[in-house]
Amino acid sequence: MSVSAKRPMGLGDPIGRAARVTAAIIRRTGRFFLVQRPPEKSFGLFWEFPGGKVEPGESLEESLQREIREELCWDIDVERPFHTVACRVGDLHIELYAYWCRIRGGDLFLREHLSFYWAYPEEFRHFLFTRADQELAEVLATGSRGSLGPKMPSRR
């Protein structure tokens, strides 16, 4: 199974399940904010860029703001799209929409995650990322936008 950003795998795919998820790319002084998944969850102990599933009726931006508030107690500004990843993990089709974000307020508190780390891109190779987040890390580490993948959907 390879990660591909070339062909979107939509929610209408006839085989398996599908998930639309968002990720916040938060950079501070050249470092990127990463979180570690708890051991009891799927992909336990893997690292990821924070975010989560898009709920019915939510825009991608609203979903990302809600997830970061719920999981990290931060209020963020979703600034602009960064990269889109479409991949398959088992019978699950994942569409990951990553956005550049800025922390607007709040005090960091990990409600869902085991740990966090502010990583320089050259440190990414030392982290075990989820499949979709691995592609984001590679794009950030190389400084290349590569393929932008599927077009980012409209706000609603």
N, C-alpha and C. Protein backbone atom coordinates (compact mmCIF):
# COMPACT_ATOMS: atom_id res chain seq x y z
N MET A 1 0.85 -1.18 0.00
CA MET A 1 0.00 0.00 0.00
C MET A 1 0.88 1.24 0.00
N SER A 2 0.67 2.09 -0.96
CA SER A 2 1.49 3.28 -1.02
C SER A 2 0.64 4.52 -0.81
N VAL A 3 1.28 5.55 -0.33
CA VAL A 3 0.60 6.83 -0.15
C VAL A 3 0.57 7.51 -1.50
N SER A 4 -0.58 7.99 -1.88
CA SER A 4 -0.71 8.67 -3.16
C SER A 4 -1.50 9.94 -2.99
N ALA A 5 -0.96 11.02 -3.49
CA ALA A 5 -1.70 12.29 -3.46
C ALA A 5 -2.18 12.62 -4.86
N LYS A 6 -2.05 11.69 -5.80
CA LYS A 6 -2.39 11.95 -7.18
C LYS A 6 -3.87 11.74 -7.48
N ARG A 7 -4.54 10.79 -6.83
CA ARG A 7 -5.93 10.49 -7.11
C ARG A 7 -6.73 10.55 -5.83
N PRO A 8 -7.72 11.46 -5.78
CA PRO A 8 -8.52 11.51 -4.56
C PRO A 8 -9.36 10.25 -4.41
N MET A 9 -9.50 9.79 -3.20
CA MET A 9 -10.36 8.66 -2.90
C MET A 9 -11.55 9.21 -2.16
N GLY A 10 -12.64 9.38 -2.85
CA GLY A 10 -13.78 10.06 -2.30
C GLY A 10 -14.60 9.22 -1.36
N LEU A 11 -15.54 9.87 -0.71
CA LEU A 11 -16.40 9.18 0.23
C LEU A 11 -17.30 8.18 -0.47
N GLY A 12 -17.45 8.30 -1.79
CA GLY A 12 -18.30 7.39 -2.53
C GLY A 12 -17.58 6.13 -2.99
N ASP A 13 -16.36 5.90 -2.58
CA ASP A 13 -15.65 4.70 -2.99
C ASP A 13 -16.44 3.47 -2.56
N PRO A 14 -16.64 2.52 -3.47
CA PRO A 14 -17.50 1.38 -3.16
C PRO A 14 -16.89 0.36 -2.22
N ILE A 15 -15.58 0.34 -2.07
CA ILE A 15 -14.93 -0.68 -1.25
C ILE A 15 -14.44 -0.05 0.05
N GLY A 16 -14.79 -0.66 1.17
CA GLY A 16 -14.27 -0.22 2.46
C GLY A 16 -14.93 1.04 2.98
N ARG A 17 -14.29 1.60 4.00
CA ARG A 17 -14.77 2.80 4.67
C ARG A 17 -13.95 3.99 4.22
N ALA A 18 -14.45 5.19 4.46
CA ALA A 18 -13.73 6.40 4.09
C ALA A 18 -13.77 7.39 5.24
N ALA A 19 -12.71 8.17 5.36
CA ALA A 19 -12.64 9.19 6.40
C ALA A 19 -12.02 10.46 5.82
N ARG A 20 -12.67 11.58 6.07
CA ARG A 20 -12.09 12.88 5.75
C ARG A 20 -11.55 13.44 7.04
N VAL A 21 -10.28 13.77 7.05
CA VAL A 21 -9.63 14.28 8.25
C VAL A 21 -8.82 15.52 7.92
N THR A 22 -8.56 16.30 8.95
CA THR A 22 -7.78 17.52 8.79
C THR A 22 -6.54 17.45 9.69
N ALA A 23 -5.54 18.24 9.32
CA ALA A 23 -4.32 18.32 10.12
C ALA A 23 -3.85 19.77 10.16
N ALA A 24 -3.39 20.18 11.33
CA ALA A 24 -2.86 21.53 11.53
C ALA A 24 -1.34 21.51 11.40
N ILE A 25 -0.83 22.32 10.51
CA ILE A 25 0.62 22.51 10.40
C ILE A 25 0.92 23.79 11.16
N ILE A 26 1.49 23.63 12.34
CA ILE A 26 1.78 24.75 13.23
C ILE A 26 3.30 24.86 13.35
N ARG A 27 3.83 25.99 12.91
CA ARG A 27 5.28 26.20 12.93
C ARG A 27 5.62 27.35 13.86
N ARG A 28 6.68 27.14 14.63
CA ARG A 28 7.17 28.18 15.53
C ARG A 28 8.69 28.08 15.55
N THR A 29 9.34 29.18 15.24
CA THR A 29 10.81 29.26 15.21
C THR A 29 11.45 28.07 14.49
N GLY A 30 10.89 27.74 13.32
CA GLY A 30 11.46 26.69 12.50
C GLY A 30 11.10 25.27 12.90
N ARG A 31 10.34 25.12 13.97
CA ARG A 31 9.93 23.80 14.44
C ARG A 31 8.44 23.59 14.18
N PHE A 32 8.07 22.32 14.06
CA PHE A 32 6.68 21.96 13.80
C PHE A 32 6.12 21.17 14.97
N PHE A 33 4.86 21.45 15.29
CA PHE A 33 4.21 20.82 16.43
C PHE A 33 3.69 19.44 16.05
N LEU A 34 4.13 18.42 16.80
CA LEU A 34 3.71 17.03 16.59
C LEU A 34 3.09 16.51 17.88
N VAL A 35 2.17 15.55 17.74
CA VAL A 35 1.58 14.89 18.90
C VAL A 35 1.68 13.39 18.72
N GLN A 36 1.74 12.68 19.87
CA GLN A 36 1.84 11.22 19.85
C GLN A 36 0.50 10.62 20.27
N ARG A 37 0.03 9.68 19.46
CA ARG A 37 -1.26 9.04 19.73
C ARG A 37 -1.15 8.15 20.96
N PRO A 38 -2.24 8.04 21.74
CA PRO A 38 -2.20 7.18 22.92
C PRO A 38 -2.13 5.71 22.52
N PRO A 39 -1.56 4.87 23.37
CA PRO A 39 -1.33 3.46 23.01
C PRO A 39 -2.61 2.67 22.76
N GLU A 40 -3.71 3.04 23.39
CA GLU A 40 -4.95 2.25 23.25
C GLU A 40 -5.73 2.58 21.98
N LYS A 41 -5.37 3.62 21.26
CA LYS A 41 -6.07 4.01 20.03
C LYS A 41 -5.43 3.31 18.83
N SER A 42 -6.15 3.33 17.70
CA SER A 42 -5.54 2.80 16.48
C SER A 42 -4.29 3.63 16.18
N PHE A 43 -3.30 2.98 15.64
CA PHE A 43 -2.00 3.60 15.38
C PHE A 43 -1.39 4.15 16.68
N GLY A 44 -1.59 3.43 17.76
CA GLY A 44 -1.09 3.83 19.07
C GLY A 44 0.42 4.06 19.05
N LEU A 45 0.82 5.15 19.67
CA LEU A 45 2.20 5.60 19.83
C LEU A 45 2.80 6.19 18.55
N PHE A 46 2.05 6.21 17.46
CA PHE A 46 2.52 6.88 16.25
C PHE A 46 2.42 8.38 16.46
N TRP A 47 3.21 9.13 15.71
CA TRP A 47 3.19 10.59 15.77
C TRP A 47 2.38 11.13 14.61
N GLU A 48 1.83 12.33 14.81
CA GLU A 48 1.01 12.95 13.77
C GLU A 48 0.98 14.46 13.96
N PHE A 49 0.53 15.13 12.92
CA PHE A 49 0.21 16.54 13.03
C PHE A 49 -1.22 16.57 13.59
N PRO A 50 -1.50 17.41 14.57
CA PRO A 50 -2.81 17.34 15.24
C PRO A 50 -3.96 17.67 14.30
N GLY A 51 -5.10 17.10 14.60
CA GLY A 51 -6.30 17.32 13.81
C GLY A 51 -7.29 16.21 14.08
N GLY A 52 -8.15 15.94 13.13
CA GLY A 52 -9.10 14.86 13.34
C GLY A 52 -10.16 14.78 12.27
N LYS A 53 -11.16 13.96 12.55
CA LYS A 53 -12.22 13.68 11.59
C LYS A 53 -13.15 14.86 11.40
N VAL A 54 -13.60 15.02 10.16
CA VAL A 54 -14.58 16.04 9.82
C VAL A 54 -15.97 15.48 10.11
N GLU A 55 -16.73 16.20 10.91
CA GLU A 55 -18.10 15.79 11.25
C GLU A 55 -19.06 16.27 10.17
N PRO A 56 -20.19 15.58 10.00
CA PRO A 56 -21.19 16.01 9.01
C PRO A 56 -21.60 17.46 9.24
N GLY A 57 -21.66 18.22 8.16
CA GLY A 57 -22.07 19.62 8.23
C GLY A 57 -20.95 20.60 8.54
N GLU A 58 -19.76 20.11 8.85
CA GLU A 58 -18.63 20.99 9.16
C GLU A 58 -17.81 21.27 7.91
N SER A 59 -17.28 22.47 7.83
CA SER A 59 -16.26 22.74 6.82
C SER A 59 -14.94 22.16 7.34
N LEU A 60 -13.98 22.04 6.47
CA LEU A 60 -12.67 21.53 6.89
C LEU A 60 -12.06 22.44 7.96
N GLU A 61 -12.20 23.74 7.75
CA GLU A 61 -11.63 24.70 8.70
C GLU A 61 -12.31 24.62 10.06
N GLU A 62 -13.64 24.49 10.07
CA GLU A 62 -14.37 24.38 11.33
C GLU A 62 -13.98 23.10 12.07
N SER A 63 -13.83 22.04 11.32
CA SER A 63 -13.42 20.77 11.91
C SER A 63 -12.06 20.89 12.59
N LEU A 64 -11.13 21.52 11.90
CA LEU A 64 -9.78 21.66 12.44
C LEU A 64 -9.78 22.52 13.70
N GLN A 65 -10.52 23.61 13.69
CA GLN A 65 -10.60 24.46 14.88
C GLN A 65 -11.21 23.70 16.05
N ARG A 66 -12.28 22.95 15.79
CA ARG A 66 -12.94 22.18 16.86
C ARG A 66 -12.00 21.11 17.41
N GLU A 67 -11.36 20.36 16.54
CA GLU A 67 -10.47 19.28 16.99
C GLU A 67 -9.31 19.81 17.84
N ILE A 68 -8.71 20.89 17.42
CA ILE A 68 -7.58 21.45 18.18
C ILE A 68 -8.05 21.99 19.53
N ARG A 69 -9.23 22.61 19.54
CA ARG A 69 -9.78 23.10 20.82
C ARG A 69 -10.09 21.92 21.75
N GLU A 70 -10.71 20.87 21.22
CA GLU A 70 -11.07 19.71 22.04
C GLU A 70 -9.85 18.93 22.53
N GLU A 71 -8.87 18.75 21.68
CA GLU A 71 -7.74 17.87 22.01
C GLU A 71 -6.57 18.58 22.67
N LEU A 72 -6.38 19.88 22.36
CA LEU A 72 -5.19 20.59 22.85
C LEU A 72 -5.50 21.85 23.66
N CYS A 73 -6.77 22.25 23.69
CA CYS A 73 -7.19 23.46 24.42
C CYS A 73 -6.60 24.74 23.83
N TRP A 74 -6.32 24.72 22.54
CA TRP A 74 -5.83 25.90 21.83
C TRP A 74 -6.92 26.42 20.91
N ASP A 75 -6.97 27.72 20.75
CA ASP A 75 -7.74 28.34 19.69
C ASP A 75 -6.76 28.65 18.58
N ILE A 76 -7.13 28.29 17.35
CA ILE A 76 -6.22 28.50 16.23
C ILE A 76 -6.89 29.30 15.13
N ASP A 77 -6.06 29.94 14.32
CA ASP A 77 -6.50 30.52 13.06
C ASP A 77 -6.06 29.56 11.98
N VAL A 78 -6.98 29.16 11.13
CA VAL A 78 -6.67 28.32 9.98
C VAL A 78 -6.35 29.29 8.85
N GLU A 79 -5.08 29.32 8.44
CA GLU A 79 -4.63 30.37 7.54
C GLU A 79 -4.79 30.04 6.06
N ARG A 80 -4.23 28.90 5.62
CA ARG A 80 -4.33 28.55 4.20
C ARG A 80 -4.03 27.07 4.01
N PRO A 81 -4.51 26.49 2.91
CA PRO A 81 -4.23 25.08 2.64
C PRO A 81 -2.73 24.84 2.44
N PHE A 82 -2.26 23.70 2.90
CA PHE A 82 -0.87 23.32 2.71
C PHE A 82 -0.73 22.16 1.73
N HIS A 83 -1.37 21.04 2.02
CA HIS A 83 -1.17 19.83 1.21
C HIS A 83 -2.33 18.88 1.46
N THR A 84 -2.63 18.07 0.48
CA THR A 84 -3.69 17.07 0.61
C THR A 84 -3.09 15.70 0.34
N VAL A 85 -3.46 14.73 1.16
CA VAL A 85 -2.98 13.36 1.00
C VAL A 85 -4.20 12.45 0.89
N ALA A 86 -4.17 11.55 -0.08
CA ALA A 86 -5.19 10.50 -0.17
C ALA A 86 -4.45 9.18 -0.11
N CYS A 87 -4.84 8.32 0.83
CA CYS A 87 -4.17 7.03 0.96
C CYS A 87 -5.15 5.99 1.46
N ARG A 88 -4.71 4.76 1.38
CA ARG A 88 -5.53 3.65 1.85
C ARG A 88 -4.75 2.90 2.91
N VAL A 89 -5.40 2.64 4.03
CA VAL A 89 -4.81 1.86 5.12
C VAL A 89 -5.80 0.74 5.41
N GLY A 90 -5.46 -0.48 4.99
CA GLY A 90 -6.40 -1.59 5.11
C GLY A 90 -7.62 -1.30 4.26
N ASP A 91 -8.82 -1.37 4.86
CA ASP A 91 -10.03 -1.07 4.10
C ASP A 91 -10.49 0.37 4.30
N LEU A 92 -9.65 1.20 4.89
CA LEU A 92 -10.00 2.59 5.16
C LEU A 92 -9.33 3.51 4.15
N HIS A 93 -10.14 4.32 3.47
CA HIS A 93 -9.65 5.35 2.56
C HIS A 93 -9.58 6.64 3.35
N ILE A 94 -8.42 7.26 3.36
CA ILE A 94 -8.22 8.49 4.12
C ILE A 94 -7.95 9.65 3.17
N GLU A 95 -8.68 10.73 3.36
CA GLU A 95 -8.39 11.99 2.70
C GLU A 95 -7.97 12.97 3.80
N LEU A 96 -6.71 13.35 3.79
CA LEU A 96 -6.16 14.24 4.81
C LEU A 96 -5.92 15.62 4.20
N TYR A 97 -6.55 16.62 4.78
CA TYR A 97 -6.41 18.01 4.32
C TYR A 97 -5.62 18.77 5.37
N ALA A 98 -4.41 19.17 5.00
CA ALA A 98 -3.53 19.87 5.94
C ALA A 98 -3.55 21.37 5.64
N TYR A 99 -3.58 22.15 6.72
CA TYR A 99 -3.62 23.61 6.62
C TYR A 99 -2.52 24.21 7.49
N TRP A 100 -1.97 25.31 7.01
CA TRP A 100 -1.11 26.13 7.86
C TRP A 100 -2.00 26.77 8.91
N CYS A 101 -1.59 26.70 10.16
CA CYS A 101 -2.39 27.26 11.25
C CYS A 101 -1.50 28.06 12.20
N ARG A 102 -2.14 28.94 12.93
CA ARG A 102 -1.45 29.76 13.92
C ARG A 102 -2.21 29.68 15.23
N ILE A 103 -1.49 29.54 16.33
CA ILE A 103 -2.12 29.51 17.65
C ILE A 103 -2.56 30.93 18.01
N ARG A 104 -3.83 31.07 18.32
CA ARG A 104 -4.39 32.38 18.67
C ARG A 104 -4.48 32.56 20.18
N GLY A 105 -4.69 31.45 20.91
CA GLY A 105 -4.85 31.57 22.35
C GLY A 105 -5.04 30.22 22.99
N GLY A 106 -5.14 30.25 24.31
CA GLY A 106 -5.33 29.03 25.08
C GLY A 106 -4.03 28.53 25.68
N ASP A 107 -4.14 27.59 26.60
CA ASP A 107 -2.99 26.98 27.23
C ASP A 107 -2.98 25.50 26.86
N LEU A 108 -1.87 25.06 26.31
CA LEU A 108 -1.76 23.68 25.85
C LEU A 108 -2.07 22.70 26.98
N PHE A 109 -3.00 21.78 26.70
CA PHE A 109 -3.33 20.69 27.61
C PHE A 109 -3.68 19.49 26.73
N LEU A 110 -2.95 18.40 26.92
CA LEU A 110 -3.16 17.21 26.09
C LEU A 110 -4.33 16.40 26.63
N ARG A 111 -5.47 16.50 25.97
CA ARG A 111 -6.65 15.73 26.39
C ARG A 111 -6.70 14.35 25.74
N GLU A 112 -6.09 14.19 24.58
CA GLU A 112 -6.16 12.95 23.81
C GLU A 112 -4.81 12.29 23.62
N HIS A 113 -3.78 13.07 23.58
CA HIS A 113 -2.47 12.56 23.16
C HIS A 113 -1.56 12.26 24.35
N LEU A 114 -0.60 11.40 24.09
CA LEU A 114 0.35 10.99 25.12
C LEU A 114 1.44 12.03 25.33
N SER A 115 1.90 12.62 24.23
CA SER A 115 3.04 13.52 24.30
C SER A 115 2.98 14.50 23.13
N PHE A 116 3.84 15.53 23.22
CA PHE A 116 3.99 16.46 22.10
C PHE A 116 5.46 16.78 21.94
N TYR A 117 5.81 17.32 20.78
CA TYR A 117 7.20 17.68 20.51
C TYR A 117 7.23 18.74 19.41
N TRP A 118 8.07 19.74 19.60
CA TRP A 118 8.33 20.72 18.55
C TRP A 118 9.57 20.24 17.78
N ALA A 119 9.37 19.77 16.56
CA ALA A 119 10.45 19.11 15.81
C ALA A 119 10.92 19.97 14.63
N TYR A 120 12.24 19.99 14.46
CA TYR A 120 12.80 20.54 13.23
C TYR A 120 12.57 19.52 12.12
N PRO A 121 12.40 19.97 10.88
CA PRO A 121 12.16 19.02 9.79
C PRO A 121 13.23 17.93 9.67
N GLU A 122 14.47 18.25 9.97
CA GLU A 122 15.52 17.23 9.87
C GLU A 122 15.40 16.16 10.96
N GLU A 123 14.56 16.40 11.96
CA GLU A 123 14.32 15.40 13.01
C GLU A 123 13.19 14.43 12.65
N PHE A 124 12.41 14.74 11.64
CA PHE A 124 11.25 13.93 11.30
C PHE A 124 11.60 12.46 11.09
N ARG A 125 12.77 12.19 10.56
CA ARG A 125 13.15 10.79 10.27
C ARG A 125 13.23 9.93 11.54
N HIS A 126 13.26 10.55 12.70
CA HIS A 126 13.34 9.82 13.96
C HIS A 126 11.95 9.48 14.53
N PHE A 127 10.89 9.91 13.86
CA PHE A 127 9.53 9.70 14.34
C PHE A 127 8.81 8.65 13.50
N LEU A 128 8.02 7.85 14.16
CA LEU A 128 7.15 6.90 13.47
C LEU A 128 5.81 7.59 13.27
N PHE A 129 5.53 7.99 12.02
CA PHE A 129 4.31 8.73 11.69
C PHE A 129 3.24 7.78 11.17
N THR A 130 1.99 8.22 11.31
CA THR A 130 0.92 7.54 10.61
C THR A 130 1.19 7.70 9.11
N ARG A 131 0.59 6.84 8.30
CA ARG A 131 0.88 6.81 6.86
C ARG A 131 0.67 8.16 6.19
N ALA A 132 -0.47 8.79 6.40
CA ALA A 132 -0.76 10.07 5.76
C ALA A 132 0.15 11.18 6.29
N ASP A 133 0.40 11.17 7.59
CA ASP A 133 1.26 12.20 8.18
C ASP A 133 2.71 12.05 7.72
N GLN A 134 3.12 10.83 7.37
CA GLN A 134 4.47 10.62 6.85
C GLN A 134 4.68 11.43 5.58
N GLU A 135 3.67 11.46 4.73
CA GLU A 135 3.80 12.25 3.50
C GLU A 135 3.90 13.74 3.82
N LEU A 136 3.11 14.22 4.76
CA LEU A 136 3.21 15.63 5.16
C LEU A 136 4.62 15.93 5.67
N ALA A 137 5.15 15.05 6.51
CA ALA A 137 6.49 15.24 7.06
C ALA A 137 7.54 15.28 5.94
N GLU A 138 7.39 14.40 4.96
CA GLU A 138 8.35 14.38 3.84
C GLU A 138 8.29 15.66 3.03
N VAL A 139 7.09 16.17 2.78
CA VAL A 139 6.95 17.41 2.02
C VAL A 139 7.57 18.56 2.81
N LEU A 140 7.31 18.62 4.11
CA LEU A 140 7.90 19.68 4.94
C LEU A 140 9.41 19.56 5.02
N ALA A 141 9.92 18.34 5.17
CA ALA A 141 11.35 18.13 5.34
C ALA A 141 12.14 18.46 4.08
N THR A 142 11.55 18.22 2.92
CA THR A 142 12.27 18.50 1.68
C THR A 142 12.07 19.94 1.22
N GLY A 143 11.12 20.62 1.86
CA GLY A 143 10.84 21.98 1.45
C GLY A 143 10.14 22.03 0.11
N SER A 144 9.70 20.88 -0.36
CA SER A 144 9.05 20.76 -1.65
C SER A 144 7.56 20.65 -1.47
N ARG A 145 6.83 21.29 -2.32
CA ARG A 145 5.38 21.13 -2.28
C ARG A 145 4.98 19.86 -3.03
N GLY A 146 5.86 19.37 -3.90
CA GLY A 146 5.54 18.15 -4.64
C GLY A 146 4.20 18.29 -5.33
N SER A 147 3.49 17.20 -5.44
CA SER A 147 2.14 17.23 -5.98
C SER A 147 1.22 17.78 -4.90
N LEU A 148 0.40 18.70 -5.29
CA LEU A 148 -0.55 19.24 -4.33
C LEU A 148 -1.70 18.29 -4.09
N GLY A 149 -1.76 17.23 -4.84
CA GLY A 149 -2.78 16.23 -4.63
C GLY A 149 -4.13 16.73 -5.07
N PRO A 150 -5.20 16.12 -4.57
CA PRO A 150 -6.54 16.52 -4.97
C PRO A 150 -6.80 17.97 -4.62
N LYS A 151 -7.62 18.59 -5.41
CA LYS A 151 -8.00 19.97 -5.15
C LYS A 151 -8.67 20.06 -3.78
N MET A 152 -8.32 21.09 -3.03
CA MET A 152 -8.95 21.30 -1.73
C MET A 152 -10.41 21.65 -1.98
N PRO A 153 -11.33 21.03 -1.25
CA PRO A 153 -12.75 21.35 -1.45
C PRO A 153 -13.07 22.76 -0.99
N SER A 154 -14.22 23.23 -1.45
CA SER A 154 -14.65 24.57 -1.05
C SER A 154 -14.96 24.56 0.45
N ARG A 155 -15.16 25.73 1.01
CA ARG A 155 -15.35 25.87 2.45
C ARG A 155 -16.53 25.07 2.97
N ARG A 156 -17.50 24.75 2.22
CA ARG A 156 -18.65 23.94 2.67
C ARG A 156 -18.86 22.79 1.75
